[in-house]
Amino acid sequence: MQEGLNNIIRHAGANHVTLELTAGGGEYAFTLQDDGRGFDPDVARDGWPHGIMGMQQRVRALGGRFSLESALGRGTTLRVTVPPSG
């Protein structure tokens, strides 16, 4: 989530940011959403910046799931789900 917040500060031009954490069903779910400029993830996916790729790799290393939704002019939503560490 820290890298996601850094990306919002650096790139999004957002006015509002929401960070939500929920726990249940044997996992933790984080949702980070902004109302910034957004981008077209289909165009950017092959050339995702190192920050996004690093987030995705760290989440997978924890056995979690990573998703990113964005659209030009509509902001970005990052969702991460990870199992509790034991």
Protein backbone atom coordinates (compact mmCIF):
# COMPACT_ATOMS: atom_id res chain seq x y z
CA MET A 1 0.00 0.00 0.00
CA GLN A 2 2.93 2.31 0.66
CA GLU A 3 4.05 2.08 -2.97
CA GLY A 4 0.46 2.65 -4.12
CA LEU A 5 0.23 5.80 -2.01
CA ASN A 6 3.57 6.99 -3.38
CA ASN A 7 2.27 6.48 -6.93
CA ILE A 8 -0.85 8.52 -6.14
CA ILE A 9 1.27 11.37 -4.75
CA ARG A 10 3.68 11.31 -7.71
CA HIS A 11 1.39 10.65 -10.65
CA ALA A 12 -2.36 10.73 -10.01
CA GLY A 13 -3.16 14.36 -9.32
CA ALA A 14 -5.92 13.06 -7.03
CA ASN A 15 -8.13 15.12 -4.74
CA HIS A 16 -9.46 12.18 -2.73
CA VAL A 17 -7.89 8.88 -1.68
CA THR A 18 -9.56 6.01 0.17
CA LEU A 19 -7.70 3.17 1.88
CA GLU A 20 -9.78 0.31 3.22
CA LEU A 21 -8.62 -2.75 5.14
CA THR A 22 -10.87 -5.70 5.87
CA ALA A 23 -10.13 -9.03 7.53
CA GLY A 24 -12.15 -12.19 7.28
CA GLY A 25 -12.39 -15.52 5.58
CA GLY A 26 -8.76 -16.24 6.38
CA GLU A 27 -7.36 -13.25 4.51
CA TYR A 28 -6.68 -9.54 4.65
CA ALA A 29 -7.98 -7.35 1.85
CA PHE A 30 -6.67 -3.87 1.09
CA THR A 31 -8.33 -1.49 -1.35
CA LEU A 32 -6.67 1.78 -2.34
CA GLN A 33 -8.73 4.08 -4.54
CA ASP A 34 -8.13 7.57 -5.92
CA ASP A 35 -10.02 10.04 -8.09
CA GLY A 36 -6.95 11.08 -10.07
CA ARG A 37 -6.17 11.17 -13.77
CA GLY A 38 -5.99 7.39 -14.16
CA PHE A 39 -4.51 5.58 -17.14
CA ASP A 40 -5.38 2.86 -19.63
CA PRO A 41 -4.05 -0.36 -18.00
CA ASP A 42 -4.36 -2.34 -21.25
CA VAL A 43 -1.94 0.01 -22.97
CA ALA A 44 0.38 0.27 -19.96
CA ARG A 45 0.39 -3.39 -18.84
CA ASP A 46 3.37 -4.51 -20.97
CA GLY A 47 5.37 -1.51 -19.83
CA TRP A 48 4.18 -1.22 -16.24
CA PRO A 49 6.58 0.88 -14.21
CA HIS A 50 8.88 -0.97 -11.84
CA GLY A 51 6.83 0.20 -8.84
CA ILE A 52 3.66 -1.54 -10.01
CA MET A 53 5.55 -4.65 -11.07
CA GLY A 54 7.32 -4.70 -7.70
CA MET A 55 4.01 -4.45 -5.84
CA GLN A 56 2.60 -7.32 -7.87
CA GLN A 57 5.67 -9.49 -7.22
CA ARG A 58 5.67 -8.80 -3.46
CA VAL A 59 1.98 -9.66 -3.16
CA ARG A 60 2.46 -12.91 -5.08
CA ALA A 61 5.47 -13.80 -2.90
CA LEU A 62 3.11 -13.57 0.10
CA GLY A 63 0.64 -15.92 -1.59
CA GLY A 64 -1.76 -13.08 -2.32
CA ARG A 65 -3.72 -11.63 -5.21
CA PHE A 66 -3.15 -8.27 -6.89
CA SER A 67 -5.48 -6.36 -9.18
CA LEU A 68 -5.38 -2.89 -10.63
CA GLU A 69 -8.25 -1.09 -12.35
CA SER A 70 -7.94 2.31 -13.95
CA ALA A 71 -9.42 4.46 -16.68
CA LEU A 72 -8.36 7.79 -18.09
CA GLY A 73 -9.98 10.56 -16.10
CA ARG A 74 -11.63 8.12 -13.67
CA GLY A 75 -8.90 7.32 -11.16
CA THR A 76 -7.34 4.05 -10.12
CA THR A 77 -8.28 1.23 -7.76
CA LEU A 78 -5.67 -1.16 -6.38
CA ARG A 79 -6.83 -4.32 -4.61
CA VAL A 80 -4.55 -6.65 -2.68
CA THR A 81 -5.59 -9.77 -0.80
CA VAL A 82 -3.10 -11.71 1.33
CA PRO A 83 -3.33 -14.56 3.80
CA PRO A 84 -2.31 -13.85 7.38
CA SER A 85 1.34 -14.63 8.06
CA GLY A 86 1.84 -17.36 10.51
